[in-house]
Amino acid sequence: MNEQPVIDPGLAKIVSLADETKFASHGIVSRTLLRTANSRVVVFGFSEGQELTEHTSTQNAVVQILSGEGEFSLNGKLHTVKTGDLIYMPPNLPHAVRATTQFSMLLTLSKAGAPDLVAPFNLKK
């Protein structure tokens, strides 16, 4: 599947995460918000009880919990997460996620060794 991202990486844009987050009655809905050469930003909506089984990624991953509660298994250790929590996962870390309530999260992936998603500003006095 070659989904068209919501944001064109060449243009500034503001999106509502609440509006872009969708839920299915018995499933997981994901939507790519932004894709660049070195990064990808995806919003997920999980119905209660849905899960992604253990897997790994070759990229750095940051997950922000937007709503609800869930469980993340990080390298075999279970963690309860809730709205407002932030998770960092280095490349190749085995992880899984399960929604204990209706649950949404924002995933940001960045290629290991690639420039940061946000370039530093060169401020001169």
C-alpha atoms as a PDB file:
ATOM      1  CA  MET A   1       0.000   0.000   0.000  1.00  0.00           C
ATOM      2  CA  ASN A   2       1.326   3.433  -0.939  1.00  0.00           C
ATOM      3  CA  GLU A   3      -0.682   5.783   1.270  1.00  0.00           C
ATOM      4  CA  GLN A   4      -0.476   9.494   0.498  1.00  0.00           C
ATOM      5  CA  PRO A   5       0.719  11.299   3.668  1.00  0.00           C
ATOM      6  CA  VAL A   6      -1.409  14.123   5.048  1.00  0.00           C
ATOM      7  CA  ILE A   7       1.537  16.564   5.086  1.00  0.00           C
ATOM      8  CA  ASP A   8       3.621  17.483   2.045  1.00  0.00           C
ATOM      9  CA  PRO A   9       7.198  17.609   3.414  1.00  0.00           C
ATOM     10  CA  GLY A  10       7.939  20.688   1.304  1.00  0.00           C
ATOM     11  CA  LEU A  11       5.130  22.772   2.820  1.00  0.00           C
ATOM     12  CA  ALA A  12       4.308  23.980   6.316  1.00  0.00           C
ATOM     13  CA  LYS A  13       1.000  22.641   7.624  1.00  0.00           C
ATOM     14  CA  ILE A  14      -0.889  22.286  10.894  1.00  0.00           C
ATOM     15  CA  VAL A  15      -3.057  19.194  11.372  1.00  0.00           C
ATOM     16  CA  SER A  16      -5.420  18.218  14.166  1.00  0.00           C
ATOM     17  CA  LEU A  17      -4.289  14.913  15.667  1.00  0.00           C
ATOM     18  CA  ALA A  18      -7.798  14.371  17.021  1.00  0.00           C
ATOM     19  CA  ASP A  19      -9.282  14.788  13.537  1.00  0.00           C
ATOM     20  CA  GLU A  20      -6.681  12.530  11.909  1.00  0.00           C
ATOM     21  CA  THR A  21      -7.089   9.725  14.473  1.00  0.00           C
ATOM     22  CA  LYS A  22      -9.651   7.139  13.378  1.00  0.00           C
ATOM     23  CA  PHE A  23     -10.953   4.070  15.195  1.00  0.00           C
ATOM     24  CA  ALA A  24     -12.499   0.834  13.910  1.00  0.00           C
ATOM     25  CA  SER A  25     -14.895  -1.173  16.077  1.00  0.00           C
ATOM     26  CA  HIS A  26     -12.581  -4.204  16.239  1.00  0.00           C
ATOM     27  CA  GLY A  27      -9.272  -3.158  14.763  1.00  0.00           C
ATOM     28  CA  ILE A  28      -6.348  -0.809  14.408  1.00  0.00           C
ATOM     29  CA  VAL A  29      -6.382   2.157  12.061  1.00  0.00           C
ATOM     30  CA  SER A  30      -3.118   3.877  11.090  1.00  0.00           C
ATOM     31  CA  ARG A  31      -2.577   7.015   9.043  1.00  0.00           C
ATOM     32  CA  THR A  32       0.763   8.341   7.787  1.00  0.00           C
ATOM     33  CA  LEU A  33       0.904  12.055   8.525  1.00  0.00           C
ATOM     34  CA  LEU A  34       4.404  12.776   7.206  1.00  0.00           C
ATOM     35  CA  ARG A  35       7.056  10.859   5.267  1.00  0.00           C
ATOM     36  CA  THR A  36      10.528  12.245   4.491  1.00  0.00           C
ATOM     37  CA  ALA A  37      13.733  10.568   3.316  1.00  0.00           C
ATOM     38  CA  ASN A  38      14.785   9.997   6.946  1.00  0.00           C
ATOM     39  CA  SER A  39      11.566   9.932   8.986  1.00  0.00           C
ATOM     40  CA  ARG A  40       7.921   8.923   9.168  1.00  0.00           C
ATOM     41  CA  VAL A  41       5.119  10.112  11.480  1.00  0.00           C
ATOM     42  CA  VAL A  42       2.065   7.854  11.902  1.00  0.00           C
ATOM     43  CA  VAL A  43      -1.044   8.177  14.062  1.00  0.00           C
ATOM     44  CA  PHE A  44      -2.720   4.966  15.303  1.00  0.00           C
ATOM     45  CA  GLY A  45      -6.186   4.317  16.713  1.00  0.00           C
ATOM     46  CA  PHE A  46      -6.681   0.980  18.532  1.00  0.00           C
ATOM     47  CA  SER A  47     -10.000  -0.403  19.687  1.00  0.00           C
ATOM     48  CA  GLU A  48      -9.941  -1.963  23.149  1.00  0.00           C
ATOM     49  CA  GLY A  49      -8.100  -5.294  23.224  1.00  0.00           C
ATOM     50  CA  GLN A  50      -6.332  -4.854  19.866  1.00  0.00           C
ATOM     51  CA  GLU A  51      -2.600  -5.464  19.727  1.00  0.00           C
ATOM     52  CA  LEU A  52       0.524  -5.433  17.630  1.00  0.00           C
ATOM     53  CA  THR A  53       2.530  -8.564  18.386  1.00  0.00           C
ATOM     54  CA  GLU A  54       6.219  -8.425  19.201  1.00  0.00           C
ATOM     55  CA  HIS A  55       8.376  -7.021  16.438  1.00  0.00           C
ATOM     56  CA  THR A  56      11.453  -4.839  15.928  1.00  0.00           C
ATOM     57  CA  SER A  57      12.352  -1.836  13.808  1.00  0.00           C
ATOM     58  CA  THR A  58      15.683  -0.797  12.351  1.00  0.00           C
ATOM     59  CA  GLN A  59      14.803   2.813  13.155  1.00  0.00           C
ATOM     60  CA  ASN A  60      14.686   5.012  16.253  1.00  0.00           C
ATOM     61  CA  ALA A  61      11.088   5.230  17.481  1.00  0.00           C
ATOM     62  CA  VAL A  62       9.315   7.759  19.681  1.00  0.00           C
ATOM     63  CA  VAL A  63       5.718   7.060  20.735  1.00  0.00           C
ATOM     64  CA  GLN A  64       3.448   9.649  22.329  1.00  0.00           C
ATOM     65  CA  ILE A  65       0.260   8.329  23.917  1.00  0.00           C
ATOM     66  CA  LEU A  66      -2.554  10.642  22.766  1.00  0.00           C
ATOM     67  CA  SER A  67      -5.557   9.031  24.480  1.00  0.00           C
ATOM     68  CA  GLY A  68      -6.571   5.995  26.491  1.00  0.00           C
ATOM     69  CA  GLU A  69      -4.398   3.355  28.113  1.00  0.00           C
ATOM     70  CA  GLY A  70      -2.340   0.459  26.888  1.00  0.00           C
ATOM     71  CA  GLU A  71       0.508  -1.892  27.586  1.00  0.00           C
ATOM     72  CA  PHE A  72       3.908  -1.805  25.923  1.00  0.00           C
ATOM     73  CA  SER A  73       6.259  -4.729  26.149  1.00  0.00           C
ATOM     74  CA  LEU A  74       9.810  -3.409  25.766  1.00  0.00           C
ATOM     75  CA  ASN A  75      12.441  -6.127  25.485  1.00  0.00           C
ATOM     76  CA  GLY A  76      10.109  -8.525  27.337  1.00  0.00           C
ATOM     77  CA  LYS A  77       9.222  -6.149  30.194  1.00  0.00           C
ATOM     78  CA  LEU A  78       5.586  -4.995  30.409  1.00  0.00           C
ATOM     79  CA  HIS A  79       4.795  -1.286  30.991  1.00  0.00           C
ATOM     80  CA  THR A  80       1.393   0.339  31.450  1.00  0.00           C
ATOM     81  CA  VAL A  81       1.078   3.619  29.502  1.00  0.00           C
ATOM     82  CA  LYS A  82      -1.548   6.350  29.490  1.00  0.00           C
ATOM     83  CA  THR A  83      -2.401   9.667  27.879  1.00  0.00           C
ATOM     84  CA  GLY A  84       0.602  11.992  27.943  1.00  0.00           C
ATOM     85  CA  ASP A  85       3.288   9.306  28.254  1.00  0.00           C
ATOM     86  CA  LEU A  86       6.275   9.292  25.903  1.00  0.00           C
ATOM     87  CA  ILE A  87       8.258   6.192  24.948  1.00  0.00           C
ATOM     88  CA  TYR A  88      11.631   6.013  23.219  1.00  0.00           C
ATOM     89  CA  MET A  89      12.786   2.787  21.569  1.00  0.00           C
ATOM     90  CA  PRO A  90      16.234   2.413  20.014  1.00  0.00           C
ATOM     91  CA  PRO A  91      16.633   0.366  16.821  1.00  0.00           C
ATOM     92  CA  ASN A  92      16.200  -3.426  17.062  1.00  0.00           C
ATOM     93  CA  LEU A  93      14.424  -3.367  20.447  1.00  0.00           C
ATOM     94  CA  PRO A  94      11.766  -6.114  20.583  1.00  0.00           C
ATOM     95  CA  HIS A  95       8.435  -4.499  21.455  1.00  0.00           C
ATOM     96  CA  ALA A  96       4.674  -5.088  21.371  1.00  0.00           C
ATOM     97  CA  VAL A  97       1.621  -2.984  22.191  1.00  0.00           C
ATOM     98  CA  ARG A  98      -1.899  -3.808  23.400  1.00  0.00           C
ATOM     99  CA  ALA A  99      -4.803  -1.447  24.004  1.00  0.00           C
ATOM    100  CA  THR A 100      -6.428  -1.949  27.415  1.00  0.00           C
ATOM    101  CA  THR A 101      -8.975   0.785  26.532  1.00  0.00           C
ATOM    102  CA  GLN A 102      -9.646   2.562  23.255  1.00  0.00           C
ATOM    103  CA  PHE A 103      -6.199   3.956  22.664  1.00  0.00           C
ATOM    104  CA  SER A 104      -4.379   6.306  20.282  1.00  0.00           C
ATOM    105  CA  MET A 105      -0.704   7.031  19.790  1.00  0.00           C
ATOM    106  CA  LEU A 106       1.623   9.045  17.585  1.00  0.00           C
ATOM    107  CA  LEU A 107       4.666   7.159  16.271  1.00  0.00           C
ATOM    108  CA  THR A 108       7.722   8.991  14.937  1.00  0.00           C
ATOM    109  CA  LEU A 109      10.349   6.859  13.206  1.00  0.00           C
ATOM    110  CA  SER A 110      13.759   8.176  12.224  1.00  0.00           C
ATOM    111  CA  LYS A 111      16.547   6.342  10.463  1.00  0.00           C
ATOM    112  CA  ALA A 112      19.471   5.507  12.733  1.00  0.00           C
ATOM    113  CA  GLY A 113      22.445   7.714  11.925  1.00  0.00           C
ATOM    114  CA  ALA A 114      20.316  10.120   9.847  1.00  0.00           C
ATOM    115  CA  PRO A 115      20.139  13.843  10.583  1.00  0.00           C
ATOM    116  CA  ASP A 116      17.617  14.803  13.241  1.00  0.00           C
ATOM    117  CA  LEU A 117      14.013  15.369  12.153  1.00  0.00           C
ATOM    118  CA  VAL A 118      14.296  18.989  13.252  1.00  0.00           C
ATOM    119  CA  ALA A 119      17.429  20.818  12.146  1.00  0.00           C
ATOM    120  CA  PRO A 120      19.043  23.024  14.807  1.00  0.00           C
ATOM    121  CA  PHE A 121      18.738  26.773  14.347  1.00  0.00           C
ATOM    122  CA  ASN A 122      21.884  28.841  13.886  1.00  0.00           C
ATOM    123  CA  LEU A 123      21.153  31.803  16.118  1.00  0.00           C
ATOM    124  CA  LYS A 124      23.484  34.791  15.821  1.00  0.00           C
ATOM    125  CA  LYS A 125      23.590  37.684  18.212  1.00  0.00           C
END
